[in-house]
Amino acid sequence: MRVPTILLGLLAMSLVLPGCGNNSGPGRGGSTVYNPPTTEFVSALGIAAPVTREQAMTIAAEAAGGTAVSAGQETEGGQLFFEVQVETASGNKEVEVRALDGAVVEIEAADND
């Protein structure tokens, strides 16, 4: 019977694969890319869209688990984004927040150059 062997193999893969990739949690090193971007944080904070710079900083601080210290604006593909610098216990993070709806697009270790 090959079915139990196949099922056992699939079970083993499901236990191993979640640790692979580049999606370490926001509070850890590495980068987390949300595809599609997540509105989980803006919804939890009760912030209405579109978001302001200050609201983007609040969203980013919540998403990265730290304190937002600065934010800049960037336009990509005709959309406005805020790039927010957040200080966390595990190091500085850069959080990209879409201005249109407050969605978090990416959390990554900040460039310190």
PDB file of N, CA and C in Angstrom:
ATOM      1  N   MET A   1       0.834  -1.198   0.000  1.00  0.00           N
ATOM      2  CA  MET A   1       0.000   0.000   0.000  1.00  0.00           C
ATOM      3  C   MET A   1       0.865   1.242   0.000  1.00  0.00           C
ATOM      4  N   ARG A   2       0.752   2.022  -1.028  1.00  0.00           N
ATOM      5  CA  ARG A   2       1.572   3.219  -1.149  1.00  0.00           C
ATOM      6  C   ARG A   2       0.906   4.440  -0.529  1.00  0.00           C
ATOM      7  N   VAL A   3      -0.388   4.426  -0.315  1.00  0.00           N
ATOM      8  CA  VAL A   3      -1.095   5.595   0.206  1.00  0.00           C
ATOM      9  C   VAL A   3      -0.557   6.015   1.568  1.00  0.00           C
ATOM     10  N   PRO A   4      -0.383   5.080   2.548  1.00  0.00           N
ATOM     11  CA  PRO A   4       0.167   5.515   3.839  1.00  0.00           C
ATOM     12  C   PRO A   4       1.566   6.115   3.702  1.00  0.00           C
ATOM     13  N   THR A   5       2.381   5.589   2.807  1.00  0.00           N
ATOM     14  CA  THR A   5       3.725   6.120   2.606  1.00  0.00           C
ATOM     15  C   THR A   5       3.668   7.541   2.058  1.00  0.00           C
ATOM     16  N   ILE A   6       2.787   7.770   1.109  1.00  0.00           N
ATOM     17  CA  ILE A   6       2.633   9.107   0.530  1.00  0.00           C
ATOM     18  C   ILE A   6       2.117  10.081   1.579  1.00  0.00           C
ATOM     19  N   LEU A   7       1.117   9.655   2.350  1.00  0.00           N
ATOM     20  CA  LEU A   7       0.576  10.519   3.398  1.00  0.00           C
ATOM     21  C   LEU A   7       1.626  10.841   4.445  1.00  0.00           C
ATOM     22  N   LEU A   8       2.428   9.844   4.808  1.00  0.00           N
ATOM     23  CA  LEU A   8       3.495  10.068   5.784  1.00  0.00           C
ATOM     24  C   LEU A   8       4.512  11.071   5.240  1.00  0.00           C
ATOM     25  N   GLY A   9       4.832  10.964   3.956  1.00  0.00           N
ATOM     26  CA  GLY A   9       5.758  11.909   3.327  1.00  0.00           C
ATOM     27  C   GLY A   9       5.207  13.322   3.307  1.00  0.00           C
ATOM     28  N   LEU A  10       3.927  13.465   2.988  1.00  0.00           N
ATOM     29  CA  LEU A  10       3.300  14.789   2.986  1.00  0.00           C
ATOM     30  C   LEU A  10       3.269  15.387   4.383  1.00  0.00           C
ATOM     31  N   LEU A  11       2.994  14.553   5.385  1.00  0.00           N
ATOM     32  CA  LEU A  11       2.989  15.024   6.764  1.00  0.00           C
ATOM     33  C   LEU A  11       4.379  15.510   7.158  1.00  0.00           C
ATOM     34  N   ALA A  12       5.398  14.758   6.812  1.00  0.00           N
ATOM     35  CA  ALA A  12       6.769  15.158   7.135  1.00  0.00           C
ATOM     36  C   ALA A  12       7.124  16.478   6.462  1.00  0.00           C
ATOM     37  N   MET A  13       6.717  16.659   5.199  1.00  0.00           N
ATOM     38  CA  MET A  13       7.005  17.908   4.494  1.00  0.00           C
ATOM     39  C   MET A  13       6.286  19.082   5.140  1.00  0.00           C
ATOM     40  N   SER A  14       5.062  18.862   5.602  1.00  0.00           N
ATOM     41  CA  SER A  14       4.316  19.963   6.212  1.00  0.00           C
ATOM     42  C   SER A  14       4.937  20.391   7.526  1.00  0.00           C
ATOM     43  N   LEU A  15       5.655  19.497   8.183  1.00  0.00           N
ATOM     44  CA  LEU A  15       6.326  19.848   9.431  1.00  0.00           C
ATOM     45  C   LEU A  15       7.639  20.572   9.184  1.00  0.00           C
ATOM     46  N   VAL A  16       8.278  20.298   8.065  1.00  0.00           N
ATOM     47  CA  VAL A  16       9.579  20.887   7.759  1.00  0.00           C
ATOM     48  C   VAL A  16       9.451  22.212   7.021  1.00  0.00           C
ATOM     49  N   LEU A  17       8.585  22.315   6.033  1.00  0.00           N
ATOM     50  CA  LEU A  17       8.519  23.477   5.155  1.00  0.00           C
ATOM     51  C   LEU A  17       8.133  24.788   5.821  1.00  0.00           C
ATOM     52  N   PRO A  18       7.272  24.832   6.857  1.00  0.00           N
ATOM     53  CA  PRO A  18       6.939  26.140   7.424  1.00  0.00           C
ATOM     54  C   PRO A  18       8.141  26.923   7.931  1.00  0.00           C
ATOM     55  N   GLY A  19       9.218  26.262   8.288  1.00  0.00           N
ATOM     56  CA  GLY A  19      10.404  26.963   8.759  1.00  0.00           C
ATOM     57  C   GLY A  19      11.280  27.481   7.640  1.00  0.00           C
ATOM     58  N   CYS A  20      10.971  27.130   6.403  1.00  0.00           N
ATOM     59  CA  CYS A  20      11.776  27.553   5.265  1.00  0.00           C
ATOM     60  C   CYS A  20      11.324  28.919   4.777  1.00  0.00           C
ATOM     61  N   GLY A  21      12.145  29.531   3.983  1.00  0.00           N
ATOM     62  CA  GLY A  21      11.747  30.789   3.356  1.00  0.00           C
ATOM     63  C   GLY A  21      12.254  31.991   4.108  1.00  0.00           C
ATOM     64  N   ASN A  22      11.714  33.148   3.742  1.00  0.00           N
ATOM     65  CA  ASN A  22      12.199  34.416   4.254  1.00  0.00           C
ATOM     66  C   ASN A  22      11.110  35.147   5.022  1.00  0.00           C
ATOM     67  N   ASN A  23      10.267  34.405   5.736  1.00  0.00           N
ATOM     68  CA  ASN A  23       9.164  35.026   6.448  1.00  0.00           C
ATOM     69  C   ASN A  23       9.317  34.879   7.947  1.00  0.00           C
ATOM     70  N   SER A  24      10.456  35.291   8.475  1.00  0.00           N
ATOM     71  CA  SER A  24      10.602  35.280   9.913  1.00  0.00           C
ATOM     72  C   SER A  24       9.675  36.341  10.478  1.00  0.00           C
ATOM     73  N   GLY A  25       9.293  36.184  11.724  1.00  0.00           N
ATOM     74  CA  GLY A  25       8.316  37.092  12.318  1.00  0.00           C
ATOM     75  C   GLY A  25       8.816  38.509  12.413  1.00  0.00           C
ATOM     76  N   PRO A  26       7.900  39.468  12.538  1.00  0.00           N
ATOM     77  CA  PRO A  26       8.260  40.875  12.570  1.00  0.00           C
ATOM     78  C   PRO A  26       9.221  41.245  13.691  1.00  0.00           C
ATOM     79  N   GLY A  27       9.174  40.534  14.803  1.00  0.00           N
ATOM     80  CA  GLY A  27      10.042  40.867  15.918  1.00  0.00           C
ATOM     81  C   GLY A  27      11.412  40.242  15.818  1.00  0.00           C
ATOM     82  N   ARG A  28      11.667  39.462  14.760  1.00  0.00           N
ATOM     83  CA  ARG A  28      12.947  38.779  14.605  1.00  0.00           C
ATOM     84  C   ARG A  28      13.700  39.360  13.421  1.00  0.00           C
ATOM     85  N   GLY A  29      14.937  38.885  13.235  1.00  0.00           N
ATOM     86  CA  GLY A  29      15.724  39.354  12.103  1.00  0.00           C
ATOM     87  C   GLY A  29      15.106  38.888  10.801  1.00  0.00           C
ATOM     88  N   GLY A  30      15.643  39.335   9.691  1.00  0.00           N
ATOM     89  CA  GLY A  30      15.119  38.921   8.402  1.00  0.00           C
ATOM     90  C   GLY A  30      14.077  39.875   7.874  1.00  0.00           C
ATOM     91  N   SER A  31      13.317  39.383   6.927  1.00  0.00           N
ATOM     92  CA  SER A  31      12.323  40.214   6.259  1.00  0.00           C
ATOM     93  C   SER A  31      10.999  39.473   6.194  1.00  0.00           C
ATOM     94  N   THR A  32       9.915  40.191   6.376  1.00  0.00           N
ATOM     95  CA  THR A  32       8.579  39.630   6.221  1.00  0.00           C
ATOM     96  C   THR A  32       7.872  40.419   5.133  1.00  0.00           C
ATOM     97  N   VAL A  33       7.525  39.739   4.057  1.00  0.00           N
ATOM     98  CA  VAL A  33       6.808  40.372   2.957  1.00  0.00           C
ATOM     99  C   VAL A  33       5.371  39.869   3.004  1.00  0.00           C
ATOM    100  N   TYR A  34       4.427  40.780   3.035  1.00  0.00           N
ATOM    101  CA  TYR A  34       3.016  40.416   3.049  1.00  0.00           C
ATOM    102  C   TYR A  34       2.478  40.521   1.630  1.00  0.00           C
ATOM    103  N   ASN A  35       2.118  39.372   1.042  1.00  0.00           N
ATOM    104  CA  ASN A  35       1.606  39.353  -0.315  1.00  0.00           C
ATOM    105  C   ASN A  35       0.338  38.524  -0.349  1.00  0.00           C
ATOM    106  N   PRO A  36      -0.823  39.121  -0.342  1.00  0.00           N
ATOM    107  CA  PRO A  36      -1.058  40.555  -0.474  1.00  0.00           C
ATOM    108  C   PRO A  36      -0.754  41.288   0.826  1.00  0.00           C
ATOM    109  N   PRO A  37      -0.563  42.602   0.749  1.00  0.00           N
ATOM    110  CA  PRO A  37      -0.329  43.399   1.951  1.00  0.00           C
ATOM    111  C   PRO A  37      -1.457  43.186   2.964  1.00  0.00           C
ATOM    112  N   THR A  38      -1.113  43.208   4.253  1.00  0.00           N
ATOM    113  CA  THR A  38      -2.102  42.930   5.290  1.00  0.00           C
ATOM    114  C   THR A  38      -2.656  44.199   5.932  1.00  0.00           C
ATOM    115  N   THR A  39      -3.965  44.205   6.121  1.00  0.00           N
ATOM    116  CA  THR A  39      -4.617  45.312   6.829  1.00  0.00           C
ATOM    117  C   THR A  39      -4.935  44.910   8.270  1.00  0.00           C
ATOM    118  N   GLU A  40      -4.354  43.818   8.717  1.00  0.00           N
ATOM    119  CA  GLU A  40      -4.570  43.307  10.076  1.00  0.00           C
ATOM    120  C   GLU A  40      -4.272  44.362  11.135  1.00  0.00           C
ATOM    121  N   PHE A  41      -3.177  45.072  11.006  1.00  0.00           N
ATOM    122  CA  PHE A  41      -2.749  46.018  12.033  1.00  0.00           C
ATOM    123  C   PHE A  41      -3.599  47.281  12.034  1.00  0.00           C
ATOM    124  N   VAL A  42      -3.912  47.822  10.859  1.00  0.00           N
ATOM    125  CA  VAL A  42      -4.741  49.024  10.780  1.00  0.00           C
ATOM    126  C   VAL A  42      -6.144  48.723  11.299  1.00  0.00           C
ATOM    127  N   SER A  43      -6.665  47.543  11.017  1.00  0.00           N
ATOM    128  CA  SER A  43      -7.990  47.156  11.507  1.00  0.00           C
ATOM    129  C   SER A  43      -7.999  47.039  13.025  1.00  0.00           C
ATOM    130  N   ALA A  44      -6.961  46.416  13.579  1.00  0.00           N
ATOM    131  CA  ALA A  44      -6.879  46.234  15.029  1.00  0.00           C
ATOM    132  C   ALA A  44      -6.799  47.572  15.759  1.00  0.00           C
ATOM    133  N   LEU A  45      -6.199  48.572  15.119  1.00  0.00           N
ATOM    134  CA  LEU A  45      -6.051  49.890  15.739  1.00  0.00           C
ATOM    135  C   LEU A  45      -7.261  50.785  15.489  1.00  0.00           C
ATOM    136  N   GLY A  46      -8.176  50.371  14.618  1.00  0.00           N
ATOM    137  CA  GLY A  46      -9.372  51.164  14.327  1.00  0.00           C
ATOM    138  C   GLY A  46      -9.088  52.440  13.558  1.00  0.00           C
ATOM    139  N   ILE A  47      -8.046  52.429  12.728  1.00  0.00           N
ATOM    140  CA  ILE A  47      -7.668  53.606  11.941  1.00  0.00           C
ATOM    141  C   ILE A  47      -8.353  53.539  10.577  1.00  0.00           C
ATOM    142  N   ALA A  48      -8.975  54.650  10.177  1.00  0.00           N
ATOM    143  CA  ALA A  48      -9.664  54.709   8.884  1.00  0.00           C
ATOM    144  C   ALA A  48      -8.696  55.118   7.775  1.00  0.00           C
ATOM    145  N   ALA A  49      -8.934  54.599   6.586  1.00  0.00           N
ATOM    146  CA  ALA A  49      -8.100  54.915   5.429  1.00  0.00           C
ATOM    147  C   ALA A  49      -8.635  56.162   4.736  1.00  0.00           C
ATOM    148  N   PRO A  50      -7.819  56.883   3.989  1.00  0.00           N
ATOM    149  CA  PRO A  50      -6.368  56.738   3.859  1.00  0.00           C
ATOM    150  C   PRO A  50      -5.666  57.182   5.137  1.00  0.00           C
ATOM    151  N   VAL A  51      -4.422  56.732   5.299  1.00  0.00           N
ATOM    152  CA  VAL A  51      -3.721  57.016   6.545  1.00  0.00           C
ATOM    153  C   VAL A  51      -2.745  58.179   6.393  1.00  0.00           C
ATOM    154  N   THR A  52      -2.541  58.889   7.484  1.00  0.00           N
ATOM    155  CA  THR A  52      -1.575  59.984   7.536  1.00  0.00           C
ATOM    156  C   THR A  52      -0.211  59.429   7.925  1.00  0.00           C
ATOM    157  N   ARG A  53       0.798  60.275   7.869  1.00  0.00           N
ATOM    158  CA  ARG A  53       2.150  59.894   8.276  1.00  0.00           C
ATOM    159  C   ARG A  53       2.151  59.411   9.721  1.00  0.00           C
ATOM    160  N   GLU A  54       1.477  60.146  10.605  1.00  0.00           N
ATOM    161  CA  GLU A  54       1.446  59.789  12.025  1.00  0.00           C
ATOM    162  C   GLU A  54       0.734  58.454  12.236  1.00  0.00           C
ATOM    163  N   GLN A  55      -0.362  58.235  11.503  1.00  0.00           N
ATOM    164  CA  GLN A  55      -1.074  56.961  11.614  1.00  0.00           C
ATOM    165  C   GLN A  55      -0.221  55.813  11.082  1.00  0.00           C
ATOM    166  N   ALA A  56       0.522  56.058  10.002  1.00  0.00           N
ATOM    167  CA  ALA A  56       1.420  55.037   9.459  1.00  0.00           C
ATOM    168  C   ALA A  56       2.479  54.660  10.489  1.00  0.00           C
ATOM    169  N   MET A  57       2.949  55.643  11.248  1.00  0.00           N
ATOM    170  CA  MET A  57       3.938  55.360  12.292  1.00  0.00           C
ATOM    171  C   MET A  57       3.327  54.487  13.390  1.00  0.00           C
ATOM    172  N   THR A  58       2.084  54.749  13.749  1.00  0.00           N
ATOM    173  CA  THR A  58       1.396  53.938  14.757  1.00  0.00           C
ATOM    174  C   THR A  58       1.209  52.505  14.262  1.00  0.00           C
ATOM    175  N   ILE A  59       0.792  52.359  13.006  1.00  0.00           N
ATOM    176  CA  ILE A  59       0.598  51.036  12.404  1.00  0.00           C
ATOM    177  C   ILE A  59       1.919  50.275  12.367  1.00  0.00           C
ATOM    178  N   ALA A  60       2.988  50.949  11.932  1.00  0.00           N
ATOM    179  CA  ALA A  60       4.300  50.310  11.821  1.00  0.00           C
ATOM    180  C   ALA A  60       4.825  49.867  13.179  1.00  0.00           C
ATOM    181  N   ALA A  61       4.643  50.705  14.194  1.00  0.00           N
ATOM    182  CA  ALA A  61       5.094  50.351  15.543  1.00  0.00           C
ATOM    183  C   ALA A  61       4.375  49.095  16.026  1.00  0.00           C
ATOM    184  N   GLU A  62       3.087  49.016  15.774  1.00  0.00           N
ATOM    185  CA  GLU A  62       2.295  47.838  16.158  1.00  0.00           C
ATOM    186  C   GLU A  62       2.760  46.606  15.389  1.00  0.00           C
ATOM    187  N   ALA A  63       2.976  46.753  14.091  1.00  0.00           N
ATOM    188  CA  ALA A  63       3.358  45.624  13.243  1.00  0.00           C
ATOM    189  C   ALA A  63       4.734  45.072  13.596  1.00  0.00           C
ATOM    190  N   ALA A  64       5.681  45.959  13.902  1.00  0.00           N
ATOM    191  CA  ALA A  64       7.052  45.528  14.179  1.00  0.00           C
ATOM    192  C   ALA A  64       7.305  45.274  15.658  1.00  0.00           C
ATOM    193  N   GLY A  65       6.380  45.702  16.512  1.00  0.00           N
ATOM    194  CA  GLY A  65       6.559  45.479  17.946  1.00  0.00           C
ATOM    195  C   GLY A  65       7.621  46.371  18.544  1.00  0.00           C
ATOM    196  N   GLY A  66       7.582  47.650  18.222  1.00  0.00           N
ATOM    197  CA  GLY A  66       8.586  48.579  18.730  1.00  0.00           C
ATOM    198  C   GLY A  66       8.066  49.996  18.764  1.00  0.00           C
ATOM    199  N   THR A  67       9.004  50.953  18.678  1.00  0.00           N
ATOM    200  CA  THR A  67       8.683  52.375  18.719  1.00  0.00           C
ATOM    201  C   THR A  67       9.070  53.020  17.393  1.00  0.00           C
ATOM    202  N   ALA A  68       8.102  53.646  16.733  1.00  0.00           N
ATOM    203  CA  ALA A  68       8.379  54.335  15.469  1.00  0.00           C
ATOM    204  C   ALA A  68       9.135  55.622  15.759  1.00  0.00           C
ATOM    205  N   VAL A  69      10.227  55.862  15.014  1.00  0.00           N
ATOM    206  CA  VAL A  69      11.051  57.045  15.259  1.00  0.00           C
ATOM    207  C   VAL A  69      11.039  58.036  14.101  1.00  0.00           C
ATOM    208  N   SER A  70      10.748  57.577  12.884  1.00  0.00           N
ATOM    209  CA  SER A  70      10.687  58.494  11.745  1.00  0.00           C
ATOM    210  C   SER A  70       9.945  57.820  10.599  1.00  0.00           C
ATOM    211  N   ALA A  71       9.496  58.662   9.654  1.00  0.00           N
ATOM    212  CA  ALA A  71       8.801  58.123   8.480  1.00  0.00           C
ATOM    213  C   ALA A  71       9.051  59.021   7.284  1.00  0.00           C
ATOM    214  N   GLY A  72       9.251  58.393   6.148  1.00  0.00           N
ATOM    215  CA  GLY A  72       9.406  59.115   4.897  1.00  0.00           C
ATOM    216  C   GLY A  72       8.365  58.634   3.908  1.00  0.00           C
ATOM    217  N   GLN A  73       8.189  59.385   2.829  1.00  0.00           N
ATOM    218  CA  GLN A  73       7.224  59.019   1.792  1.00  0.00           C
ATOM    219  C   GLN A  73       7.950  58.522   0.557  1.00  0.00           C
ATOM    220  N   GLU A  74       7.304  57.605  -0.140  1.00  0.00           N
ATOM    221  CA  GLU A  74       7.852  57.065  -1.377  1.00  0.00           C
ATOM    222  C   GLU A  74       6.684  56.713  -2.288  1.00  0.00           C
ATOM    223  N   THR A  75       6.846  56.951  -3.579  1.00  0.00           N
ATOM    224  CA  THR A  75       5.820  56.569  -4.547  1.00  0.00           C
ATOM    225  C   THR A  75       6.358  55.430  -5.392  1.00  0.00           C
ATOM    226  N   GLU A  76       5.588  54.335  -5.456  1.00  0.00           N
ATOM    227  CA  GLU A  76       5.941  53.172  -6.271  1.00  0.00           C
ATOM    228  C   GLU A  76       4.718  52.783  -7.080  1.00  0.00           C
ATOM    229  N   GLY A  77       4.870  52.652  -8.375  1.00  0.00           N
ATOM    230  CA  GLY A  77       3.757  52.238  -9.222  1.00  0.00           C
ATOM    231  C   GLY A  77       2.545  53.141  -9.104  1.00  0.00           C
ATOM    232  N   GLY A  78       2.783  54.432  -8.866  1.00  0.00           N
ATOM    233  CA  GLY A  78       1.694  55.381  -8.742  1.00  0.00           C
ATOM    234  C   GLY A  78       1.000  55.378  -7.388  1.00  0.00           C
ATOM    235  N   GLN A  79       1.493  54.578  -6.441  1.00  0.00           N
ATOM    236  CA  GLN A  79       0.905  54.518  -5.105  1.00  0.00           C
ATOM    237  C   GLN A  79       1.855  55.137  -4.086  1.00  0.00           C
ATOM    238  N   LEU A  80       1.278  55.800  -3.081  1.00  0.00           N
ATOM    239  CA  LEU A  80       2.054  56.417  -2.015  1.00  0.00           C
ATOM    240  C   LEU A  80       2.248  55.420  -0.878  1.00  0.00           C
ATOM    241  N   PHE A  81       3.492  55.330  -0.397  1.00  0.00           N
ATOM    242  CA  PHE A  81       3.843  54.470   0.727  1.00  0.00           C
ATOM    243  C   PHE A  81       4.603  55.292   1.759  1.00  0.00           C
ATOM    244  N   PHE A  82       4.493  54.888   3.007  1.00  0.00           N
ATOM    245  CA  PHE A  82       5.317  55.448   4.071  1.00  0.00           C
ATOM    246  C   PHE A  82       6.343  54.391   4.451  1.00  0.00           C
ATOM    247  N   GLU A  83       7.613  54.795   4.514  1.00  0.00           N
ATOM    248  CA  GLU A  83       8.666  53.915   5.002  1.00  0.00           C
ATOM    249  C   GLU A  83       8.993  54.376   6.407  1.00  0.00           C
ATOM    250  N   VAL A  84       8.621  53.558   7.383  1.00  0.00           N
ATOM    251  CA  VAL A  84       8.719  53.937   8.787  1.00  0.00           C
ATOM    252  C   VAL A  84       9.867  53.190   9.452  1.00  0.00           C
ATOM    253  N   GLN A  85      10.718  53.946  10.143  1.00  0.00           N
ATOM    254  CA  GLN A  85      11.815  53.368  10.909  1.00  0.00           C
ATOM    255  C   GLN A  85      11.299  53.064  12.313  1.00  0.00           C
ATOM    256  N   VAL A  86      11.481  51.811  12.751  1.00  0.00           N
ATOM    257  CA  VAL A  86      10.984  51.370  14.049  1.00  0.00           C
ATOM    258  C   VAL A  86      12.131  50.754  14.841  1.00  0.00           C
ATOM    259  N   GLU A  87      12.283  51.194  16.095  1.00  0.00           N
ATOM    260  CA  GLU A  87      13.273  50.601  16.994  1.00  0.00           C
ATOM    261  C   GLU A  87      12.602  49.476  17.767  1.00  0.00           C
ATOM    262  N   THR A  88      13.207  48.271  17.719  1.00  0.00           N
ATOM    263  CA  THR A  88      12.685  47.121  18.455  1.00  0.00           C
ATOM    264  C   THR A  88      13.787  46.557  19.338  1.00  0.00           C
ATOM    265  N   ALA A  89      13.420  45.653  20.224  1.00  0.00           N
ATOM    266  CA  ALA A  89      14.401  45.020  21.107  1.00  0.00           C
ATOM    267  C   ALA A  89      15.424  44.208  20.316  1.00  0.00           C
ATOM    268  N   SER A  90      15.039  43.719  19.136  1.00  0.00           N
ATOM    269  CA  SER A  90      15.946  42.898  18.330  1.00  0.00           C
ATOM    270  C   SER A  90      16.673  43.691  17.243  1.00  0.00           C
ATOM    271  N   GLY A  91      16.529  45.016  17.247  1.00  0.00           N
ATOM    272  CA  GLY A  91      17.198  45.849  16.249  1.00  0.00           C
ATOM    273  C   GLY A  91      16.216  46.744  15.524  1.00  0.00           C
ATOM    274  N   ASN A  92      16.746  47.601  14.672  1.00  0.00           N
ATOM    275  CA  ASN A  92      15.908  48.548  13.928  1.00  0.00           C
ATOM    276  C   ASN A  92      15.250  47.869  12.734  1.00  0.00           C
ATOM    277  N   LYS A  93      13.989  48.224  12.499  1.00  0.00           N
ATOM    278  CA  LYS A  93      13.216  47.668  11.388  1.00  0.00           C
ATOM    279  C   LYS A  93      12.732  48.799  10.497  1.00  0.00           C
ATOM    280  N   GLU A  94      12.525  48.487   9.241  1.00  0.00           N
ATOM    281  CA  GLU A  94      11.892  49.412   8.304  1.00  0.00           C
ATOM    282  C   GLU A  94      10.572  48.773   7.883  1.00  0.00           C
ATOM    283  N   VAL A  95       9.483  49.495   8.101  1.00  0.00           N
ATOM    284  CA  VAL A  95       8.150  48.977   7.797  1.00  0.00           C
ATOM    285  C   VAL A  95       7.552  49.812   6.675  1.00  0.00           C
ATOM    286  N   GLU A  96       7.106  49.149   5.625  1.00  0.00           N
ATOM    287  CA  GLU A  96       6.477  49.837   4.499  1.00  0.00           C
ATOM    288  C   GLU A  96       4.960  49.751   4.666  1.00  0.00           C
ATOM    289  N   VAL A  97       4.315  50.926   4.747  1.00  0.00           N
ATOM    290  CA  VAL A  97       2.867  51.021   4.950  1.00  0.00           C
ATOM    291  C   VAL A  97       2.252  51.734   3.750  1.00  0.00           C
ATOM    292  N   ARG A  98       1.239  51.128   3.143  1.00  0.00           N
ATOM    293  CA  ARG A  98       0.550  51.727   1.999  1.00  0.00           C
ATOM    294  C   ARG A  98      -0.408  52.802   2.506  1.00  0.00           C
ATOM    295  N   ALA A  99      -0.273  54.035   1.994  1.00  0.00           N
ATOM    296  CA  ALA A  99      -1.083  55.167   2.459  1.00  0.00           C
ATOM    297  C   ALA A  99      -2.562  55.006   2.122  1.00  0.00           C
ATOM    298  N   LEU A 100      -2.868  54.381   1.008  1.00  0.00           N
ATOM    299  CA  LEU A 100      -4.246  54.226   0.551  1.00  0.00           C
ATOM    300  C   LEU A 100      -5.147  53.579   1.597  1.00  0.00           C
ATOM    301  N   ASP A 101      -4.633  52.507   2.239  1.00  0.00           N
ATOM    302  CA  ASP A 101      -5.474  51.750   3.166  1.00  0.00           C
ATOM    303  C   ASP A 101      -4.782  51.349   4.467  1.00  0.00           C
ATOM    304  N   GLY A 102      -3.531  51.764   4.653  1.00  0.00           N
ATOM    305  CA  GLY A 102      -2.813  51.431   5.882  1.00  0.00           C
ATOM    306  C   GLY A 102      -2.267  50.022   5.918  1.00  0.00           C
ATOM    307  N   ALA A 103      -2.281  49.327   4.782  1.00  0.00           N
ATOM    308  CA  ALA A 103      -1.799  47.949   4.736  1.00  0.00           C
ATOM    309  C   ALA A 103      -0.284  47.903   4.914  1.00  0.00           C
ATOM    310  N   VAL A 104       0.179  46.930   5.703  1.00  0.00           N
ATOM    311  CA  VAL A 104       1.613  46.701   5.869  1.00  0.00           C
ATOM    312  C   VAL A 104       2.063  45.822   4.713  1.00  0.00           C
ATOM    313  N   VAL A 105       3.043  46.306   3.970  1.00  0.00           N
ATOM    314  CA  VAL A 105       3.548  45.610   2.795  1.00  0.00           C
ATOM    315  C   VAL A 105       4.755  44.758   3.147  1.00  0.00           C
ATOM    316  N   GLU A 106       5.657  45.317   3.968  1.00  0.00           N
ATOM    317  CA  GLU A 106       6.898  44.607   4.280  1.00  0.00           C
ATOM    318  C   GLU A 106       7.488  45.127   5.578  1.00  0.00           C
ATOM    319  N   ILE A 107       8.119  44.208   6.302  1.00  0.00           N
ATOM    320  CA  ILE A 107       8.912  44.557   7.482  1.00  0.00           C
ATOM    321  C   ILE A 107      10.278  43.935   7.261  1.00  0.00           C
ATOM    322  N   GLU A 108      11.333  44.759   7.342  1.00  0.00           N
ATOM    323  CA  GLU A 108      12.678  44.235   7.130  1.00  0.00           C
ATOM    324  C   GLU A 108      13.658  44.923   8.057  1.00  0.00           C
ATOM    325  N   ALA A 109      14.817  44.296   8.224  1.00  0.00           N
ATOM    326  CA  ALA A 109      15.874  44.918   9.008  1.00  0.00           C
ATOM    327  C   ALA A 109      16.265  46.222   8.330  1.00  0.00           C
ATOM    328  N   ALA A 110      16.421  47.279   9.114  1.00  0.00           N
ATOM    329  CA  ALA A 110      16.746  48.598   8.559  1.00  0.00           C
ATOM    330  C   ALA A 110      18.190  48.647   8.097  1.00  0.00           C
ATOM    331  N   ASP A 111      18.421  49.378   7.003  1.00  0.00           N
ATOM    332  CA  ASP A 111      19.784  49.649   6.547  1.00  0.00           C
ATOM    333  C   ASP A 111      20.367  50.681   7.482  1.00  0.00           C
ATOM    334  N   ASN A 112      21.519  50.396   8.033  1.00  0.00           N
ATOM    335  CA  ASN A 112      22.132  51.334   8.968  1.00  0.00           C
ATOM    336  C   ASN A 112      23.364  51.994   8.383  1.00  0.00           C
ATOM    337  N   ASP A 113      23.302  52.350   7.086  1.00  0.00           N
ATOM    338  CA  ASP A 113      24.478  53.015   6.500  1.00  0.00           C
ATOM    339  C   ASP A 113      24.325  54.494   6.500  1.00  0.00           C
TER     340      ASP A 113
END
